[in-house]
Structures are given as structure tokens and as C-alpha cells.
Amino acid sequence: MEMLKTSSGNIAVLQLKGRFDAHEVVPVGAWLQEQVDAGRVQIIINLEAVNFIDSTALSSLVRGLKHCREKGGELRLCCLQQPVRVIFELTRLDKAFTIHATQPEAVDALQ
């Protein structure tokens, strides 16, 4: 999986590409923790190029969301492909996360 790390103002953005599974949880979790530790708690994760997500990856996103909210921030998701969106709906995590159709929409919502 590829990780592209960018920012938009005070918002940290992580774009993922490929399978987001147990093998990729450590680098994503480390990046999320690094952002929170640095006080960057407005985070967007762009899943446009993710074609598969497993329960371990979902768990890491939930942890990231929890850490952001504990520090007064928010973790938003955007650009979910249909197979990934279905997983969020089946697990009802679409109720826990705010999911935006586009990255600019997510950025606007956090500013």
C-alpha cells in the first residue's frame, strides 16, 4: 500500500492506495499517532484508491478517531469506493465517521 502525506492548512491529509489490511496498520497507526502527538488533530483520510479494507484497518481508524476527539479534533474520511463503503455500512461505522464524497468537501467541513 502507498501512503501520500500532505496537509491543507492545519489539516493533515493521508491518501492511501491499495489494500488497507493488517500488514499496513502499523505505518498508518504510527502516522496518526504522530499527528495527534504534534497537535494536528484535524485529519482527513482519503480512501479513493483503497479497494479493500479489513477489520484490523477499521480498528486502527476507530483508534485514530478516538485520539483526535480526545484532543478536541476530528478524523474524517473521504472518497470511499463502493466495496469499502459497503464494509463501513455493514459494520455501522458509517454512523461513527463523517464520510465526505470529495477531499475538498472534507477540507471545507474542517475549516
PDB file of N, CA and C in Angstrom:
ATOM      1  N   MET A   1       0.835  -1.175   0.000  1.00  0.00           N
ATOM      2  CA  MET A   1       0.000   0.000   0.000  1.00  0.00           C
ATOM      3  C   MET A   1       0.878   1.235   0.000  1.00  0.00           C
ATOM      4  N   GLU A   2       0.443   2.242  -0.726  1.00  0.00           N
ATOM      5  CA  GLU A   2       1.158   3.513  -0.777  1.00  0.00           C
ATOM      6  C   GLU A   2       0.477   4.508   0.143  1.00  0.00           C
ATOM      7  N   MET A   3       1.298   5.374   0.755  1.00  0.00           N
ATOM      8  CA  MET A   3       0.791   6.433   1.627  1.00  0.00           C
ATOM      9  C   MET A   3       1.331   7.765   1.132  1.00  0.00           C
ATOM     10  N   LEU A   4       0.427   8.693   0.844  1.00  0.00           N
ATOM     11  CA  LEU A   4       0.820  10.037   0.448  1.00  0.00           C
ATOM     12  C   LEU A   4       0.378  10.984   1.550  1.00  0.00           C
ATOM     13  N   LYS A   5       1.362  11.633   2.191  1.00  0.00           N
ATOM     14  CA  LYS A   5       1.092  12.516   3.326  1.00  0.00           C
ATOM     15  C   LYS A   5       1.179  13.961   2.856  1.00  0.00           C
ATOM     16  N   THR A   6       0.096  14.704   3.063  1.00  0.00           N
ATOM     17  CA  THR A   6       0.062  16.118   2.697  1.00  0.00           C
ATOM     18  C   THR A   6      -0.659  16.881   3.798  1.00  0.00           C
ATOM     19  N   SER A   7      -0.828  18.166   3.570  1.00  0.00           N
ATOM     20  CA  SER A   7      -1.616  18.964   4.500  1.00  0.00           C
ATOM     21  C   SER A   7      -2.339  20.049   3.723  1.00  0.00           C
ATOM     22  N   SER A   8      -3.370  20.551   4.343  1.00  0.00           N
ATOM     23  CA  SER A   8      -4.131  21.659   3.787  1.00  0.00           C
ATOM     24  C   SER A   8      -4.378  22.612   4.954  1.00  0.00           C
ATOM     25  N   GLY A   9      -3.524  23.621   5.081  1.00  0.00           N
ATOM     26  CA  GLY A   9      -3.588  24.493   6.246  1.00  0.00           C
ATOM     27  C   GLY A   9      -3.195  23.711   7.482  1.00  0.00           C
ATOM     28  N   ASN A  10      -4.080  23.713   8.496  1.00  0.00           N
ATOM     29  CA  ASN A  10      -3.796  22.969   9.722  1.00  0.00           C
ATOM     30  C   ASN A  10      -4.370  21.552   9.692  1.00  0.00           C
ATOM     31  N   ILE A  11      -4.813  21.110   8.526  1.00  0.00           N
ATOM     32  CA  ILE A  11      -5.421  19.788   8.382  1.00  0.00           C
ATOM     33  C   ILE A  11      -4.408  18.824   7.770  1.00  0.00           C
ATOM     34  N   ALA A  12      -4.163  17.713   8.474  1.00  0.00           N
ATOM     35  CA  ALA A  12      -3.275  16.672   7.952  1.00  0.00           C
ATOM     36  C   ALA A  12      -4.097  15.739   7.065  1.00  0.00           C
ATOM     37  N   VAL A  13      -3.549  15.396   5.916  1.00  0.00           N
ATOM     38  CA  VAL A  13      -4.260  14.545   4.957  1.00  0.00           C
ATOM     39  C   VAL A  13      -3.390  13.335   4.630  1.00  0.00           C
ATOM     40  N   LEU A  14      -3.996  12.165   4.687  1.00  0.00           N
ATOM     41  CA  LEU A  14      -3.315  10.930   4.312  1.00  0.00           C
ATOM     42  C   LEU A  14      -4.127  10.263   3.207  1.00  0.00           C
ATOM     43  N   GLN A  15      -3.490  10.090   2.049  1.00  0.00           N
ATOM     44  CA  GLN A  15      -4.117   9.380   0.936  1.00  0.00           C
ATOM     45  C   GLN A  15      -3.520   7.981   0.880  1.00  0.00           C
ATOM     46  N   LEU A  16      -4.379   6.991   0.859  1.00  0.00           N
ATOM     47  CA  LEU A  16      -3.939   5.602   0.821  1.00  0.00           C
ATOM     48  C   LEU A  16      -4.263   4.998  -0.539  1.00  0.00           C
ATOM     49  N   LYS A  17      -3.417   4.066  -0.961  1.00  0.00           N
ATOM     50  CA  LYS A  17      -3.628   3.405  -2.242  1.00  0.00           C
ATOM     51  C   LYS A  17      -3.315   1.920  -2.086  1.00  0.00           C
ATOM     52  N   GLY A  18      -4.270   1.082  -2.490  1.00  0.00           N
ATOM     53  CA  GLY A  18      -4.069  -0.363  -2.428  1.00  0.00           C
ATOM     54  C   GLY A  18      -4.950  -1.008  -1.370  1.00  0.00           C
ATOM     55  N   ARG A  19      -4.469  -2.118  -0.832  1.00  0.00           N
ATOM     56  CA  ARG A  19      -5.199  -2.833   0.215  1.00  0.00           C
ATOM     57  C   ARG A  19      -4.823  -2.251   1.572  1.00  0.00           C
ATOM     58  N   PHE A  20      -5.828  -1.920   2.370  1.00  0.00           N
ATOM     59  CA  PHE A  20      -5.585  -1.444   3.726  1.00  0.00           C
ATOM     60  C   PHE A  20      -5.975  -2.593   4.650  1.00  0.00           C
ATOM     61  N   ASP A  21      -4.953  -3.351   5.055  1.00  0.00           N
ATOM     62  CA  ASP A  21      -5.202  -4.533   5.869  1.00  0.00           C
ATOM     63  C   ASP A  21      -4.198  -4.603   7.013  1.00  0.00           C
ATOM     64  N   ALA A  22      -4.159  -5.748   7.694  1.00  0.00           N
ATOM     65  CA  ALA A  22      -3.321  -5.917   8.885  1.00  0.00           C
ATOM     66  C   ALA A  22      -1.847  -5.609   8.626  1.00  0.00           C
ATOM     67  N   HIS A  23      -1.393  -5.810   7.408  1.00  0.00           N
ATOM     68  CA  HIS A  23       0.003  -5.563   7.082  1.00  0.00           C
ATOM     69  C   HIS A  23       0.323  -4.075   7.016  1.00  0.00           C
ATOM     70  N   GLU A  24      -0.679  -3.243   6.847  1.00  0.00           N
ATOM     71  CA  GLU A  24      -0.477  -1.796   6.674  1.00  0.00           C
ATOM     72  C   GLU A  24      -0.890  -0.981   7.896  1.00  0.00           C
ATOM     73  N   VAL A  25      -1.400  -1.636   8.911  1.00  0.00           N
ATOM     74  CA  VAL A  25      -1.910  -0.926  10.077  1.00  0.00           C
ATOM     75  C   VAL A  25      -0.803  -0.190  10.832  1.00  0.00           C
ATOM     76  N   VAL A  26       0.354  -0.783  10.954  1.00  0.00           N
ATOM     77  CA  VAL A  26       1.428  -0.171  11.742  1.00  0.00           C
ATOM     78  C   VAL A  26       1.854   1.190  11.185  1.00  0.00           C
ATOM     79  N   PRO A  27       2.177   1.315   9.889  1.00  0.00           N
ATOM     80  CA  PRO A  27       2.571   2.644   9.413  1.00  0.00           C
ATOM     81  C   PRO A  27       1.448   3.679   9.466  1.00  0.00           C
ATOM     82  N   VAL A  28       0.227   3.265   9.205  1.00  0.00           N
ATOM     83  CA  VAL A  28      -0.900   4.207   9.274  1.00  0.00           C
ATOM     84  C   VAL A  28      -1.135   4.626  10.722  1.00  0.00           C
ATOM     85  N   GLY A  29      -1.121   3.677  11.623  1.00  0.00           N
ATOM     86  CA  GLY A  29      -1.294   3.984  13.048  1.00  0.00           C
ATOM     87  C   GLY A  29      -0.195   4.888  13.575  1.00  0.00           C
ATOM     88  N   ALA A  30       1.039   4.632  13.139  1.00  0.00           N
ATOM     89  CA  ALA A  30       2.161   5.475  13.559  1.00  0.00           C
ATOM     90  C   ALA A  30       1.989   6.899  13.046  1.00  0.00           C
ATOM     91  N   TRP A  31       1.551   7.039  11.788  1.00  0.00           N
ATOM     92  CA  TRP A  31       1.332   8.378  11.229  1.00  0.00           C
ATOM     93  C   TRP A  31       0.234   9.103  12.002  1.00  0.00           C
ATOM     94  N   LEU A  32      -0.870   8.409  12.282  1.00  0.00           N
ATOM     95  CA  LEU A  32      -1.968   9.019  13.033  1.00  0.00           C
ATOM     96  C   LEU A  32      -1.492   9.475  14.412  1.00  0.00           C
ATOM     97  N   GLN A  33      -0.748   8.624  15.097  1.00  0.00           N
ATOM     98  CA  GLN A  33      -0.261   8.969  16.432  1.00  0.00           C
ATOM     99  C   GLN A  33       0.707  10.148  16.370  1.00  0.00           C
ATOM    100  N   GLU A  34       1.545  10.172  15.350  1.00  0.00           N
ATOM    101  CA  GLU A  34       2.488  11.272  15.150  1.00  0.00           C
ATOM    102  C   GLU A  34       1.745  12.604  14.978  1.00  0.00           C
ATOM    103  N   GLN A  35       0.662  12.582  14.220  1.00  0.00           N
ATOM    104  CA  GLN A  35      -0.126  13.797  14.002  1.00  0.00           C
ATOM    105  C   GLN A  35      -0.748  14.274  15.311  1.00  0.00           C
ATOM    106  N   VAL A  36      -1.365  13.371  16.040  1.00  0.00           N
ATOM    107  CA  VAL A  36      -2.022  13.732  17.301  1.00  0.00           C
ATOM    108  C   VAL A  36      -0.996  14.239  18.304  1.00  0.00           C
ATOM    109  N   ASP A  37       0.141  13.561  18.398  1.00  0.00           N
ATOM    110  CA  ASP A  37       1.195  13.986  19.336  1.00  0.00           C
ATOM    111  C   ASP A  37       1.714  15.377  19.003  1.00  0.00           C
ATOM    112  N   ALA A  38       1.695  15.737  17.713  1.00  0.00           N
ATOM    113  CA  ALA A  38       2.172  17.054  17.279  1.00  0.00           C
ATOM    114  C   ALA A  38       1.062  18.108  17.370  1.00  0.00           C
ATOM    115  N   GLY A  39      -0.122  17.709  17.826  1.00  0.00           N
ATOM    116  CA  GLY A  39      -1.215  18.656  17.973  1.00  0.00           C
ATOM    117  C   GLY A  39      -2.034  18.867  16.715  1.00  0.00           C
ATOM    118  N   ARG A  40      -1.760  18.086  15.686  1.00  0.00           N
ATOM    119  CA  ARG A  40      -2.558  18.163  14.456  1.00  0.00           C
ATOM    120  C   ARG A  40      -3.697  17.142  14.572  1.00  0.00           C
ATOM    121  N   VAL A  41      -4.834  17.631  15.047  1.00  0.00           N
ATOM    122  CA  VAL A  41      -5.935  16.713  15.338  1.00  0.00           C
ATOM    123  C   VAL A  41      -7.116  16.888  14.383  1.00  0.00           C
ATOM    124  N   GLN A  42      -6.923  17.651  13.329  1.00  0.00           N
ATOM    125  CA  GLN A  42      -7.895  17.728  12.238  1.00  0.00           C
ATOM    126  C   GLN A  42      -7.286  16.902  11.107  1.00  0.00           C
ATOM    127  N   ILE A  43      -7.833  15.719  10.895  1.00  0.00           N
ATOM    128  CA  ILE A  43      -7.229  14.753   9.976  1.00  0.00           C
ATOM    129  C   ILE A  43      -8.255  14.255   8.963  1.00  0.00           C
ATOM    130  N   ILE A  44      -7.794  14.142   7.733  1.00  0.00           N
ATOM    131  CA  ILE A  44      -8.608  13.547   6.664  1.00  0.00           C
ATOM    132  C   ILE A  44      -7.861  12.336   6.132  1.00  0.00           C
ATOM    133  N   ILE A  45      -8.565  11.236   5.991  1.00  0.00           N
ATOM    134  CA  ILE A  45      -8.001  10.059   5.352  1.00  0.00           C
ATOM    135  C   ILE A  45      -8.775   9.836   4.055  1.00  0.00           C
ATOM    136  N   ASN A  46      -8.054   9.939   2.948  1.00  0.00           N
ATOM    137  CA  ASN A  46      -8.631   9.788   1.621  1.00  0.00           C
ATOM    138  C   ASN A  46      -8.473   8.322   1.197  1.00  0.00           C
ATOM    139  N   LEU A  47      -9.599   7.644   1.018  1.00  0.00           N
ATOM    140  CA  LEU A  47      -9.592   6.217   0.683  1.00  0.00           C
ATOM    141  C   LEU A  47      -9.979   5.962  -0.774  1.00  0.00           C
ATOM    142  N   GLU A  48      -9.822   6.980  -1.603  1.00  0.00           N
ATOM    143  CA  GLU A  48     -10.230   6.880  -3.007  1.00  0.00           C
ATOM    144  C   GLU A  48      -9.581   5.705  -3.733  1.00  0.00           C
ATOM    145  N   ALA A  49      -8.321   5.426  -3.432  1.00  0.00           N
ATOM    146  CA  ALA A  49      -7.593   4.378  -4.145  1.00  0.00           C
ATOM    147  C   ALA A  49      -7.471   3.092  -3.319  1.00  0.00           C
ATOM    148  N   VAL A  50      -8.288   2.971  -2.271  1.00  0.00           N
ATOM    149  CA  VAL A  50      -8.295   1.750  -1.452  1.00  0.00           C
ATOM    150  C   VAL A  50      -9.416   0.860  -1.961  1.00  0.00           C
ATOM    151  N   ASN A  51      -9.043  -0.359  -2.350  1.00  0.00           N
ATOM    152  CA  ASN A  51     -10.042  -1.279  -2.891  1.00  0.00           C
ATOM    153  C   ASN A  51     -10.432  -2.386  -1.923  1.00  0.00           C
ATOM    154  N   PHE A  52      -9.758  -2.440  -0.755  1.00  0.00           N
ATOM    155  CA  PHE A  52     -10.060  -3.463   0.248  1.00  0.00           C
ATOM    156  C   PHE A  52      -9.669  -2.926   1.613  1.00  0.00           C
ATOM    157  N   ILE A  53     -10.504  -3.185   2.620  1.00  0.00           N
ATOM    158  CA  ILE A  53     -10.185  -2.808   3.995  1.00  0.00           C
ATOM    159  C   ILE A  53     -10.627  -3.950   4.898  1.00  0.00           C
ATOM    160  N   ASP A  54      -9.789  -4.307   5.870  1.00  0.00           N
ATOM    161  CA  ASP A  54     -10.163  -5.399   6.767  1.00  0.00           C
ATOM    162  C   ASP A  54     -10.445  -4.866   8.173  1.00  0.00           C
ATOM    163  N   SER A  55     -10.817  -5.766   9.075  1.00  0.00           N
ATOM    164  CA  SER A  55     -11.232  -5.369  10.418  1.00  0.00           C
ATOM    165  C   SER A  55     -10.091  -4.733  11.213  1.00  0.00           C
ATOM    166  N   THR A  56      -8.873  -5.160  10.981  1.00  0.00           N
ATOM    167  CA  THR A  56      -7.729  -4.569  11.678  1.00  0.00           C
ATOM    168  C   THR A  56      -7.552  -3.113  11.254  1.00  0.00           C
ATOM    169  N   ALA A  57      -7.714  -2.847   9.971  1.00  0.00           N
ATOM    170  CA  ALA A  57      -7.605  -1.477   9.470  1.00  0.00           C
ATOM    171  C   ALA A  57      -8.749  -0.622  10.007  1.00  0.00           C
ATOM    172  N   LEU A  58      -9.947  -1.176  10.045  1.00  0.00           N
ATOM    173  CA  LEU A  58     -11.083  -0.444  10.610  1.00  0.00           C
ATOM    174  C   LEU A  58     -10.806  -0.079  12.061  1.00  0.00           C
ATOM    175  N   SER A  59     -10.250  -1.016  12.803  1.00  0.00           N
ATOM    176  CA  SER A  59      -9.919  -0.779  14.205  1.00  0.00           C
ATOM    177  C   SER A  59      -8.905   0.356  14.359  1.00  0.00           C
ATOM    178  N   SER A  60      -7.922   0.402  13.478  1.00  0.00           N
ATOM    179  CA  SER A  60      -6.920   1.474  13.568  1.00  0.00           C
ATOM    180  C   SER A  60      -7.547   2.834  13.270  1.00  0.00           C
ATOM    181  N   LEU A  61      -8.495   2.883  12.345  1.00  0.00           N
ATOM    182  CA  LEU A  61      -9.196   4.135  12.063  1.00  0.00           C
ATOM    183  C   LEU A  61     -10.045   4.570  13.256  1.00  0.00           C
ATOM    184  N   VAL A  62     -10.706   3.624  13.905  1.00  0.00           N
ATOM    185  CA  VAL A  62     -11.504   3.939  15.087  1.00  0.00           C
ATOM    186  C   VAL A  62     -10.606   4.487  16.200  1.00  0.00           C
ATOM    187  N   ARG A  63      -9.437   3.873  16.401  1.00  0.00           N
ATOM    188  CA  ARG A  63      -8.492   4.383  17.406  1.00  0.00           C
ATOM    189  C   ARG A  63      -8.061   5.806  17.067  1.00  0.00           C
ATOM    190  N   GLY A  64      -7.763   6.045  15.794  1.00  0.00           N
ATOM    191  CA  GLY A  64      -7.376   7.381  15.366  1.00  0.00           C
ATOM    192  C   GLY A  64      -8.478   8.396  15.615  1.00  0.00           C
ATOM    193  N   LEU A  65      -9.712   8.019  15.307  1.00  0.00           N
ATOM    194  CA  LEU A  65     -10.861   8.887  15.552  1.00  0.00           C
ATOM    195  C   LEU A  65     -10.977   9.209  17.039  1.00  0.00           C
ATOM    196  N   LYS A  66     -10.820   8.197  17.863  1.00  0.00           N
ATOM    197  CA  LYS A  66     -10.916   8.379  19.324  1.00  0.00           C
ATOM    198  C   LYS A  66      -9.834   9.334  19.816  1.00  0.00           C
ATOM    199  N   HIS A  67      -8.596   9.144  19.368  1.00  0.00           N
ATOM    200  CA  HIS A  67      -7.493  10.007  19.803  1.00  0.00           C
ATOM    201  C   HIS A  67      -7.719  11.455  19.368  1.00  0.00           C
ATOM    202  N   CYS A  68      -8.179  11.644  18.142  1.00  0.00           N
ATOM    203  CA  CYS A  68      -8.455  13.003  17.651  1.00  0.00           C
ATOM    204  C   CYS A  68      -9.530  13.673  18.494  1.00  0.00           C
ATOM    205  N   ARG A  69     -10.602  12.962  18.742  1.00  0.00           N
ATOM    206  CA  ARG A  69     -11.712  13.542  19.509  1.00  0.00           C
ATOM    207  C   ARG A  69     -11.309  13.840  20.951  1.00  0.00           C
ATOM    208  N   GLU A  70     -10.463  12.991  21.524  1.00  0.00           N
ATOM    209  CA  GLU A  70      -9.986  13.250  22.891  1.00  0.00           C
ATOM    210  C   GLU A  70      -9.216  14.560  22.984  1.00  0.00           C
ATOM    211  N   LYS A  71      -8.593  14.955  21.883  1.00  0.00           N
ATOM    212  CA  LYS A  71      -7.804  16.195  21.844  1.00  0.00           C
ATOM    213  C   LYS A  71      -8.593  17.357  21.240  1.00  0.00           C
ATOM    214  N   GLY A  72      -9.903  17.175  21.057  1.00  0.00           N
ATOM    215  CA  GLY A  72     -10.741  18.240  20.535  1.00  0.00           C
ATOM    216  C   GLY A  72     -10.749  18.348  19.020  1.00  0.00           C
ATOM    217  N   GLY A  73     -10.281  17.319  18.346  1.00  0.00           N
ATOM    218  CA  GLY A  73     -10.219  17.330  16.889  1.00  0.00           C
ATOM    219  C   GLY A  73     -11.212  16.379  16.262  1.00  0.00           C
ATOM    220  N   GLU A  74     -10.935  16.065  15.019  1.00  0.00           N
ATOM    221  CA  GLU A  74     -11.831  15.195  14.249  1.00  0.00           C
ATOM    222  C   GLU A  74     -11.039  14.457  13.181  1.00  0.00           C
ATOM    223  N   LEU A  75     -11.428  13.235  12.911  1.00  0.00           N
ATOM    224  CA  LEU A  75     -10.873  12.459  11.809  1.00  0.00           C
ATOM    225  C   LEU A  75     -12.013  12.212  10.840  1.00  0.00           C
ATOM    226  N   ARG A  76     -11.844  12.661   9.607  1.00  0.00           N
ATOM    227  CA  ARG A  76     -12.869  12.496   8.577  1.00  0.00           C
ATOM    228  C   ARG A  76     -12.347  11.580   7.481  1.00  0.00           C
ATOM    229  N   LEU A  77     -13.250  10.881   6.837  1.00  0.00           N
ATOM    230  CA  LEU A  77     -12.913  10.022   5.713  1.00  0.00           C
ATOM    231  C   LEU A  77     -13.509  10.617   4.450  1.00  0.00           C
ATOM    232  N   CYS A  78     -12.886  10.324   3.321  1.00  0.00           N
ATOM    233  CA  CYS A  78     -13.461  10.795   2.060  1.00  0.00           C
ATOM    234  C   CYS A  78     -13.162   9.822   0.931  1.00  0.00           C
ATOM    235  N   CYS A  79     -13.976   9.948  -0.106  1.00  0.00           N
ATOM    236  CA  CYS A  79     -13.758   9.266  -1.393  1.00  0.00           C
ATOM    237  C   CYS A  79     -13.778   7.743  -1.306  1.00  0.00           C
ATOM    238  N   LEU A  80     -14.701   7.181  -0.541  1.00  0.00           N
ATOM    239  CA  LEU A  80     -14.757   5.730  -0.409  1.00  0.00           C
ATOM    240  C   LEU A  80     -15.290   5.081  -1.679  1.00  0.00           C
ATOM    241  N   GLN A  81     -14.583   4.051  -2.142  1.00  0.00           N
ATOM    242  CA  GLN A  81     -15.077   3.236  -3.252  1.00  0.00           C
ATOM    243  C   GLN A  81     -16.224   2.374  -2.726  1.00  0.00           C
ATOM    244  N   GLN A  82     -17.074   1.920  -3.607  1.00  0.00           N
ATOM    245  CA  GLN A  82     -18.254   1.161  -3.202  1.00  0.00           C
ATOM    246  C   GLN A  82     -17.931  -0.065  -2.328  1.00  0.00           C
ATOM    247  N   PRO A  83     -16.943  -0.909  -2.676  1.00  0.00           N
ATOM    248  CA  PRO A  83     -16.670  -2.070  -1.812  1.00  0.00           C
ATOM    249  C   PRO A  83     -16.264  -1.669  -0.389  1.00  0.00           C
ATOM    250  N   VAL A  84     -15.537  -0.579  -0.263  1.00  0.00           N
ATOM    251  CA  VAL A  84     -15.109  -0.099   1.054  1.00  0.00           C
ATOM    252  C   VAL A  84     -16.307   0.523   1.780  1.00  0.00           C
ATOM    253  N   ARG A  85     -17.107   1.283   1.065  1.00  0.00           N
ATOM    254  CA  ARG A  85     -18.301   1.895   1.669  1.00  0.00           C
ATOM    255  C   ARG A  85     -19.228   0.810   2.227  1.00  0.00           C
ATOM    256  N   VAL A  86     -19.372  -0.293   1.507  1.00  0.00           N
ATOM    257  CA  VAL A  86     -20.226  -1.388   1.971  1.00  0.00           C
ATOM    258  C   VAL A  86     -19.729  -1.933   3.308  1.00  0.00           C
ATOM    259  N   ILE A  87     -18.425  -2.072   3.459  1.00  0.00           N
ATOM    260  CA  ILE A  87     -17.862  -2.555   4.731  1.00  0.00           C
ATOM    261  C   ILE A  87     -18.208  -1.594   5.859  1.00  0.00           C
ATOM    262  N   PHE A  88     -18.079  -0.290   5.612  1.00  0.00           N
ATOM    263  CA  PHE A  88     -18.432   0.697   6.636  1.00  0.00           C
ATOM    264  C   PHE A  88     -19.916   0.615   6.980  1.00  0.00           C
ATOM    265  N   GLU A  89     -20.759   0.387   5.992  1.00  0.00           N
ATOM    266  CA  GLU A  89     -22.191   0.285   6.245  1.00  0.00           C
ATOM    267  C   GLU A  89     -22.537  -0.992   7.005  1.00  0.00           C
ATOM    268  N   LEU A  90     -21.931  -2.119   6.617  1.00  0.00           N
ATOM    269  CA  LEU A  90     -22.208  -3.390   7.293  1.00  0.00           C
ATOM    270  C   LEU A  90     -21.778  -3.370   8.759  1.00  0.00           C
ATOM    271  N   THR A  91     -20.678  -2.688   9.036  1.00  0.00           N
ATOM    272  CA  THR A  91     -20.169  -2.606  10.409  1.00  0.00           C
ATOM    273  C   THR A  91     -20.777  -1.430  11.167  1.00  0.00           C
ATOM    274  N   ARG A  92     -21.585  -0.650  10.476  1.00  0.00           N
ATOM    275  CA  ARG A  92     -22.232   0.558  11.014  1.00  0.00           C
ATOM    276  C   ARG A  92     -21.232   1.641  11.406  1.00  0.00           C
ATOM    277  N   LEU A  93     -20.021   1.527  10.919  1.00  0.00           N
ATOM    278  CA  LEU A  93     -19.029   2.564  11.184  1.00  0.00           C
ATOM    279  C   LEU A  93     -19.312   3.822  10.368  1.00  0.00           C
ATOM    280  N   ASP A  94     -20.196   3.713   9.390  1.00  0.00           N
ATOM    281  CA  ASP A  94     -20.600   4.920   8.662  1.00  0.00           C
ATOM    282  C   ASP A  94     -21.376   5.868   9.572  1.00  0.00           C
ATOM    283  N   LYS A  95     -21.843   5.372  10.716  1.00  0.00           N
ATOM    284  CA  LYS A  95     -22.522   6.214  11.712  1.00  0.00           C
ATOM    285  C   LYS A  95     -21.510   6.878  12.646  1.00  0.00           C
ATOM    286  N   ALA A  96     -20.352   6.265  12.835  1.00  0.00           N
ATOM    287  CA  ALA A  96     -19.325   6.814  13.735  1.00  0.00           C
ATOM    288  C   ALA A  96     -18.460   7.856  13.034  1.00  0.00           C
ATOM    289  N   PHE A  97     -18.178   7.626  11.759  1.00  0.00           N
ATOM    290  CA  PHE A  97     -17.318   8.523  10.991  1.00  0.00           C
ATOM    291  C   PHE A  97     -18.161   9.469  10.140  1.00  0.00           C
ATOM    292  N   THR A  98     -17.654  10.675   9.962  1.00  0.00           N
ATOM    293  CA  THR A  98     -18.224  11.561   8.963  1.00  0.00           C
ATOM    294  C   THR A  98     -17.493  11.250   7.662  1.00  0.00           C
ATOM    295  N   ILE A  99     -18.242  10.894   6.634  1.00  0.00           N
ATOM    296  CA  ILE A  99     -17.667  10.492   5.358  1.00  0.00           C
ATOM    297  C   ILE A  99     -18.089  11.498   4.295  1.00  0.00           C
ATOM    298  N   HIS A 100     -17.108  12.048   3.611  1.00  0.00           N
ATOM    299  CA  HIS A 100     -17.363  13.041   2.568  1.00  0.00           C
ATOM    300  C   HIS A 100     -17.132  12.427   1.192  1.00  0.00           C
ATOM    301  N   ALA A 101     -17.842  12.946   0.214  1.00  0.00           N
ATOM    302  CA  ALA A 101     -17.722  12.443  -1.155  1.00  0.00           C
ATOM    303  C   ALA A 101     -16.391  12.831  -1.781  1.00  0.00           C
ATOM    304  N   THR A 102     -15.876  14.025  -1.434  1.00  0.00           N
ATOM    305  CA  THR A 102     -14.628  14.507  -2.025  1.00  0.00           C
ATOM    306  C   THR A 102     -13.703  15.046  -0.945  1.00  0.00           C
ATOM    307  N   GLN A 103     -12.419  15.111  -1.274  1.00  0.00           N
ATOM    308  CA  GLN A 103     -11.457  15.662  -0.320  1.00  0.00           C
ATOM    309  C   GLN A 103     -11.685  17.158  -0.102  1.00  0.00           C
ATOM    310  N   PRO A 104     -11.931  17.960  -1.149  1.00  0.00           N
ATOM    311  CA  PRO A 104     -12.204  19.379  -0.907  1.00  0.00           C
ATOM    312  C   PRO A 104     -13.412  19.601   0.015  1.00  0.00           C
ATOM    313  N   GLU A 105     -14.431  18.757  -0.109  1.00  0.00           N
ATOM    314  CA  GLU A 105     -15.598  18.859   0.757  1.00  0.00           C
ATOM    315  C   GLU A 105     -15.198  18.596   2.210  1.00  0.00           C
ATOM    316  N   ALA A 106     -14.343  17.597   2.428  1.00  0.00           N
ATOM    317  CA  ALA A 106     -13.870  17.274   3.782  1.00  0.00           C
ATOM    318  C   ALA A 106     -13.037  18.418   4.347  1.00  0.00           C
ATOM    319  N   VAL A 107     -12.175  18.984   3.523  1.00  0.00           N
ATOM    320  CA  VAL A 107     -11.336  20.114   3.963  1.00  0.00           C
ATOM    321  C   VAL A 107     -12.223  21.291   4.357  1.00  0.00           C
ATOM    322  N   ASP A 108     -13.192  21.621   3.520  1.00  0.00           N
ATOM    323  CA  ASP A 108     -14.099  22.737   3.819  1.00  0.00           C
ATOM    324  C   ASP A 108     -14.837  22.514   5.125  1.00  0.00           C
ATOM    325  N   ALA A 109     -15.249  21.287   5.376  1.00  0.00           N
ATOM    326  CA  ALA A 109     -16.012  20.976   6.602  1.00  0.00           C
ATOM    327  C   ALA A 109     -15.158  21.139   7.854  1.00  0.00           C
ATOM    328  N   LEU A 110     -13.860  20.923   7.749  1.00  0.00           N
ATOM    329  CA  LEU A 110     -12.987  21.015   8.921  1.00  0.00           C
ATOM    330  C   LEU A 110     -12.429  22.410   9.151  1.00  0.00           C
ATOM    331  N   GLN A 111     -12.575  23.286   8.171  1.00  0.00           N
ATOM    332  CA  GLN A 111     -12.019  24.630   8.341  1.00  0.00           C
ATOM    333  C   GLN A 111     -12.977  25.540   9.072  1.00  0.00           C
TER     334      GLN A 111
END
